[in-house]
């Protein structure tokens, strides 16, 4: 059975910042899992965003789509970053140098 990506209101979720490979990234905590923001899109691309998220999900990559105002964000489970990079043919940035910048990271719960 295929799992569809969740569509959630970003205002109801816990976000944080993390440092990885020399860059600051946005993170999201949901159901005891950490996610990273893959990309942000304007609301007029909603259908395309859902299609992209579904493709990632079909590859077994846990995905969440959030909406806030006039934008949608595709979030991917942080532990799946190497799998996402391979799927998208991106240069590998191994998560060995990831530092979470959030003092409540241990309280990541639903």
N, C-alpha and C. Protein backbone atom coordinates (compact mmCIF):
# COMPACT_ATOMS: atom_id res chain seq x y z
N UNK A 1 0.84 -1.18 0.00
CA UNK A 1 0.00 0.00 0.00
C UNK A 1 0.88 1.25 0.00
N UNK A 2 0.60 2.15 -0.88
CA UNK A 2 1.38 3.38 -1.05
C UNK A 2 0.97 4.41 0.00
N UNK A 3 1.97 5.04 0.62
CA UNK A 3 1.72 6.06 1.63
C UNK A 3 1.76 7.44 0.97
N UNK A 4 0.70 8.20 1.10
CA UNK A 4 0.67 9.56 0.55
C UNK A 4 1.32 10.53 1.54
N UNK A 5 1.97 11.57 1.03
CA UNK A 5 2.58 12.57 1.92
C UNK A 5 1.51 13.31 2.73
N UNK A 6 1.86 13.65 3.96
CA UNK A 6 0.97 14.44 4.79
C UNK A 6 0.94 15.89 4.30
N UNK A 7 -0.21 16.54 4.40
CA UNK A 7 -0.33 17.97 4.13
C UNK A 7 -0.77 18.62 5.44
N UNK A 8 0.11 19.44 6.02
CA UNK A 8 -0.13 20.02 7.33
C UNK A 8 0.07 21.53 7.32
N UNK A 9 -0.64 22.21 8.22
CA UNK A 9 -0.46 23.65 8.41
C UNK A 9 0.82 23.86 9.21
N UNK A 10 1.76 24.62 8.66
CA UNK A 10 3.05 24.82 9.30
C UNK A 10 2.93 25.51 10.66
N UNK A 11 1.88 26.31 10.85
CA UNK A 11 1.71 27.03 12.10
C UNK A 11 1.54 26.10 13.29
N UNK A 12 1.10 24.86 13.06
CA UNK A 12 0.84 23.91 14.13
C UNK A 12 2.02 22.99 14.41
N UNK A 13 3.17 23.25 13.80
CA UNK A 13 4.31 22.34 13.90
C UNK A 13 5.51 22.99 14.56
N UNK A 14 6.41 22.16 15.07
CA UNK A 14 7.64 22.64 15.71
C UNK A 14 8.74 22.72 14.66
N UNK A 15 9.30 23.89 14.50
CA UNK A 15 10.40 24.08 13.56
C UNK A 15 11.67 24.42 14.33
N UNK A 16 12.79 24.24 13.67
CA UNK A 16 14.08 24.54 14.27
C UNK A 16 15.06 24.82 13.14
N UNK A 17 16.26 25.22 13.49
CA UNK A 17 17.35 25.45 12.54
C UNK A 17 18.44 24.43 12.83
N UNK A 18 19.14 24.00 11.79
CA UNK A 18 20.29 23.14 12.00
C UNK A 18 21.39 23.50 11.01
N UNK A 19 22.60 23.20 11.42
CA UNK A 19 23.79 23.50 10.63
C UNK A 19 24.28 22.21 10.00
N UNK A 20 24.45 22.23 8.67
CA UNK A 20 24.95 21.04 7.99
C UNK A 20 25.85 21.47 6.84
N UNK A 21 27.07 20.97 6.85
CA UNK A 21 28.03 21.22 5.78
C UNK A 21 28.18 22.70 5.43
N UNK A 22 28.29 23.52 6.47
CA UNK A 22 28.56 24.93 6.26
C UNK A 22 27.35 25.79 5.94
N UNK A 23 26.14 25.24 6.05
CA UNK A 23 24.93 26.00 5.74
C UNK A 23 23.89 25.82 6.83
N UNK A 24 23.10 26.87 7.05
CA UNK A 24 21.99 26.82 7.99
C UNK A 24 20.73 26.38 7.25
N UNK A 25 20.02 25.40 7.79
CA UNK A 25 18.83 24.83 7.15
C UNK A 25 17.64 24.89 8.10
N UNK A 26 16.44 24.83 7.52
CA UNK A 26 15.21 24.75 8.30
C UNK A 26 14.88 23.29 8.57
N UNK A 27 14.45 23.03 9.80
CA UNK A 27 14.05 21.69 10.19
C UNK A 27 12.65 21.71 10.78
N UNK A 28 12.05 20.54 10.84
CA UNK A 28 10.70 20.37 11.34
C UNK A 28 10.66 19.10 12.18
N UNK A 29 9.95 19.15 13.27
CA UNK A 29 9.78 17.99 14.13
C UNK A 29 8.33 17.53 14.05
N UNK A 30 8.12 16.25 13.73
CA UNK A 30 6.76 15.71 13.65
C UNK A 30 6.80 14.22 13.99
N UNK A 31 5.97 13.80 14.94
CA UNK A 31 5.87 12.40 15.35
C UNK A 31 7.24 11.78 15.66
N UNK A 32 8.02 12.47 16.47
CA UNK A 32 9.33 12.00 16.90
C UNK A 32 10.33 11.81 15.76
N UNK A 33 10.11 12.47 14.65
CA UNK A 33 11.04 12.42 13.52
C UNK A 33 11.46 13.85 13.18
N UNK A 34 12.68 13.99 12.68
CA UNK A 34 13.19 15.27 12.24
C UNK A 34 13.19 15.31 10.71
N UNK A 35 12.72 16.42 10.15
CA UNK A 35 12.63 16.61 8.70
C UNK A 35 13.40 17.86 8.32
N UNK A 36 13.86 17.93 7.07
CA UNK A 36 14.50 19.14 6.57
C UNK A 36 13.70 19.68 5.41
N UNK A 37 13.75 21.01 5.24
CA UNK A 37 13.02 21.67 4.15
C UNK A 37 13.78 21.44 2.85
N UNK A 38 13.17 20.67 1.96
CA UNK A 38 13.80 20.42 0.67
C UNK A 38 13.67 21.63 -0.23
N UNK A 39 12.45 22.15 -0.37
CA UNK A 39 12.21 23.35 -1.18
C UNK A 39 10.91 24.01 -0.78
N UNK A 40 10.82 25.32 -1.03
CA UNK A 40 9.62 26.11 -0.79
C UNK A 40 9.09 26.57 -2.15
N UNK A 41 7.76 26.50 -2.32
CA UNK A 41 7.13 26.85 -3.59
C UNK A 41 5.95 27.80 -3.35
N UNK A 42 5.66 28.62 -4.34
CA UNK A 42 4.48 29.48 -4.30
C UNK A 42 3.22 28.62 -4.36
N UNK A 43 2.13 29.14 -3.80
CA UNK A 43 0.89 28.38 -3.73
C UNK A 43 0.29 28.06 -5.10
N UNK A 44 0.66 28.80 -6.13
CA UNK A 44 0.13 28.50 -7.46
C UNK A 44 0.73 27.21 -8.05
N UNK A 45 1.71 26.63 -7.37
CA UNK A 45 2.32 25.37 -7.82
C UNK A 45 1.90 24.20 -6.94
N UNK A 46 0.75 24.35 -6.27
CA UNK A 46 0.28 23.35 -5.31
C UNK A 46 0.20 21.95 -5.90
N UNK A 47 -0.40 21.81 -7.06
CA UNK A 47 -0.56 20.49 -7.67
C UNK A 47 0.80 19.88 -7.99
N UNK A 48 1.71 20.68 -8.53
CA UNK A 48 3.05 20.20 -8.85
C UNK A 48 3.78 19.77 -7.59
N UNK A 49 3.64 20.54 -6.51
CA UNK A 49 4.28 20.20 -5.23
C UNK A 49 3.77 18.85 -4.75
N UNK A 50 2.46 18.63 -4.82
CA UNK A 50 1.88 17.37 -4.38
C UNK A 50 2.39 16.21 -5.23
N UNK A 51 2.55 16.42 -6.53
CA UNK A 51 3.08 15.38 -7.41
C UNK A 51 4.52 15.04 -7.05
N UNK A 52 5.35 16.06 -6.80
CA UNK A 52 6.74 15.83 -6.43
C UNK A 52 6.84 15.10 -5.10
N UNK A 53 6.04 15.50 -4.14
CA UNK A 53 6.04 14.85 -2.83
C UNK A 53 5.58 13.39 -2.97
N UNK A 54 4.60 13.14 -3.80
CA UNK A 54 4.13 11.77 -4.02
C UNK A 54 5.21 10.91 -4.66
N UNK A 55 5.98 11.48 -5.58
CA UNK A 55 7.08 10.72 -6.20
C UNK A 55 8.14 10.34 -5.17
N UNK A 56 8.48 11.26 -4.30
CA UNK A 56 9.44 10.96 -3.24
C UNK A 56 8.89 9.87 -2.32
N UNK A 57 7.62 9.99 -1.97
CA UNK A 57 6.98 9.02 -1.09
C UNK A 57 6.95 7.63 -1.73
N UNK A 58 6.72 7.58 -3.03
CA UNK A 58 6.71 6.29 -3.74
C UNK A 58 8.08 5.62 -3.70
N UNK A 59 9.14 6.39 -3.52
CA UNK A 59 10.49 5.85 -3.40
C UNK A 59 10.80 5.42 -1.97
N UNK A 60 9.80 5.50 -1.09
CA UNK A 60 9.99 5.10 0.30
C UNK A 60 10.58 6.18 1.18
N UNK A 61 10.57 7.41 0.70
CA UNK A 61 11.13 8.54 1.44
C UNK A 61 10.01 9.23 2.21
N UNK A 62 10.07 9.27 3.55
CA UNK A 62 9.03 9.95 4.32
C UNK A 62 8.99 11.44 4.00
N UNK A 63 7.81 11.94 3.65
CA UNK A 63 7.64 13.31 3.18
C UNK A 63 6.45 13.96 3.89
N UNK A 64 6.60 15.24 4.18
CA UNK A 64 5.50 16.07 4.67
C UNK A 64 5.45 17.31 3.79
N UNK A 65 4.26 17.75 3.46
CA UNK A 65 4.08 19.02 2.76
C UNK A 65 3.36 19.95 3.73
N UNK A 66 3.91 21.15 3.92
CA UNK A 66 3.24 22.13 4.77
C UNK A 66 2.82 23.33 3.93
N UNK A 67 1.81 23.99 4.43
CA UNK A 67 1.37 25.23 3.80
C UNK A 67 1.35 26.32 4.86
N UNK A 68 1.69 27.51 4.41
CA UNK A 68 1.66 28.68 5.29
C UNK A 68 1.50 29.90 4.39
N UNK A 69 0.41 30.60 4.54
CA UNK A 69 0.16 31.77 3.70
C UNK A 69 0.10 31.38 2.24
N UNK A 70 0.99 31.94 1.44
CA UNK A 70 1.00 31.69 0.00
C UNK A 70 2.13 30.76 -0.43
N UNK A 71 2.56 29.87 0.47
CA UNK A 71 3.65 28.97 0.08
C UNK A 71 3.44 27.56 0.62
N UNK A 72 4.07 26.62 -0.09
CA UNK A 72 4.11 25.22 0.29
C UNK A 72 5.57 24.82 0.43
N UNK A 73 5.85 23.96 1.40
CA UNK A 73 7.20 23.46 1.60
C UNK A 73 7.18 21.95 1.59
N UNK A 74 8.14 21.35 0.87
CA UNK A 74 8.33 19.91 0.92
C UNK A 74 9.40 19.62 1.96
N UNK A 75 9.05 18.81 2.95
CA UNK A 75 9.95 18.41 4.03
C UNK A 75 10.24 16.92 3.88
N UNK A 76 11.49 16.54 4.06
CA UNK A 76 11.90 15.15 3.94
C UNK A 76 12.60 14.74 5.23
N UNK A 77 12.36 13.49 5.64
CA UNK A 77 12.98 13.00 6.88
C UNK A 77 14.49 13.16 6.80
N UNK A 78 15.07 13.76 7.82
CA UNK A 78 16.50 14.06 7.85
C UNK A 78 17.33 12.79 7.67
N UNK A 79 16.92 11.68 8.25
CA UNK A 79 17.67 10.43 8.12
C UNK A 79 17.64 9.90 6.69
N UNK A 80 16.77 10.44 5.83
CA UNK A 80 16.66 10.00 4.44
C UNK A 80 17.43 10.90 3.49
N UNK A 81 18.27 11.80 4.00
CA UNK A 81 18.91 12.79 3.13
C UNK A 81 19.75 12.16 2.03
N UNK A 82 20.50 11.09 2.32
CA UNK A 82 21.31 10.45 1.28
C UNK A 82 20.41 9.82 0.21
N UNK A 83 19.29 9.24 0.64
CA UNK A 83 18.34 8.64 -0.30
C UNK A 83 17.72 9.71 -1.19
N UNK A 84 17.40 10.87 -0.62
CA UNK A 84 16.83 11.98 -1.40
C UNK A 84 17.85 12.49 -2.41
N UNK A 85 19.09 12.66 -1.97
CA UNK A 85 20.13 13.14 -2.88
C UNK A 85 20.32 12.19 -4.05
N UNK A 86 20.27 10.88 -3.79
CA UNK A 86 20.41 9.91 -4.88
C UNK A 86 19.22 9.99 -5.82
N UNK A 87 18.00 10.12 -5.26
CA UNK A 87 16.79 10.19 -6.08
C UNK A 87 16.79 11.43 -6.96
N UNK A 88 17.25 12.55 -6.40
CA UNK A 88 17.25 13.82 -7.13
C UNK A 88 18.55 14.06 -7.89
N UNK A 89 19.49 13.10 -7.82
CA UNK A 89 20.80 13.23 -8.46
C UNK A 89 21.55 14.46 -7.99
N UNK A 90 21.51 14.70 -6.68
CA UNK A 90 22.22 15.82 -6.08
C UNK A 90 23.57 15.34 -5.57
N UNK A 91 24.55 16.24 -5.48
CA UNK A 91 25.83 15.83 -4.88
C UNK A 91 25.62 15.44 -3.43
N UNK A 92 26.24 14.39 -3.01
CA UNK A 92 26.05 13.86 -1.66
C UNK A 92 26.65 14.80 -0.62
N UNK A 93 25.85 15.09 0.40
CA UNK A 93 26.31 15.84 1.57
C UNK A 93 25.95 15.00 2.78
N UNK A 94 26.85 14.16 3.18
CA UNK A 94 26.59 13.22 4.27
C UNK A 94 26.28 13.99 5.55
N UNK A 95 25.32 13.49 6.31
CA UNK A 95 24.83 14.18 7.50
C UNK A 95 25.77 14.06 8.69
N UNK A 96 27.00 13.62 8.49
CA UNK A 96 27.94 13.48 9.60
C UNK A 96 28.23 14.81 10.28
N UNK A 97 28.10 15.91 9.56
CA UNK A 97 28.43 17.21 10.13
C UNK A 97 27.19 18.01 10.51
N UNK A 98 26.08 17.32 10.79
CA UNK A 98 24.84 17.99 11.14
C UNK A 98 24.83 18.37 12.62
N UNK A 99 24.47 19.62 12.91
CA UNK A 99 24.32 20.09 14.28
C UNK A 99 22.93 20.71 14.40
N UNK A 100 22.11 20.18 15.30
CA UNK A 100 20.77 20.70 15.52
C UNK A 100 20.87 21.92 16.43
N UNK A 101 20.28 23.03 16.02
CA UNK A 101 20.31 24.27 16.80
C UNK A 101 18.93 24.52 17.40
N UNK A 102 18.54 23.65 18.31
CA UNK A 102 17.21 23.77 18.92
C UNK A 102 17.29 23.16 20.29
N UNK A 103 17.03 23.94 21.30
CA UNK A 103 17.23 23.46 22.67
C UNK A 103 16.19 22.45 23.13
N UNK A 104 15.12 22.23 22.35
CA UNK A 104 14.10 21.27 22.74
C UNK A 104 14.08 20.05 21.80
N UNK A 105 15.19 19.76 21.13
CA UNK A 105 15.23 18.67 20.16
C UNK A 105 14.84 17.35 20.81
N UNK A 106 15.19 17.17 22.07
CA UNK A 106 14.84 15.91 22.75
C UNK A 106 13.34 15.84 23.02
N UNK A 107 12.65 16.96 22.92
CA UNK A 107 11.19 16.99 23.19
C UNK A 107 10.40 16.89 21.89
N UNK A 108 11.03 16.37 20.85
CA UNK A 108 10.36 16.23 19.56
C UNK A 108 9.30 15.15 19.67
N UNK A 109 8.06 15.57 19.81
CA UNK A 109 6.97 14.61 19.90
C UNK A 109 5.72 15.21 19.29
N UNK A 110 4.76 14.36 19.01
CA UNK A 110 3.52 14.81 18.36
C UNK A 110 2.71 15.69 19.26
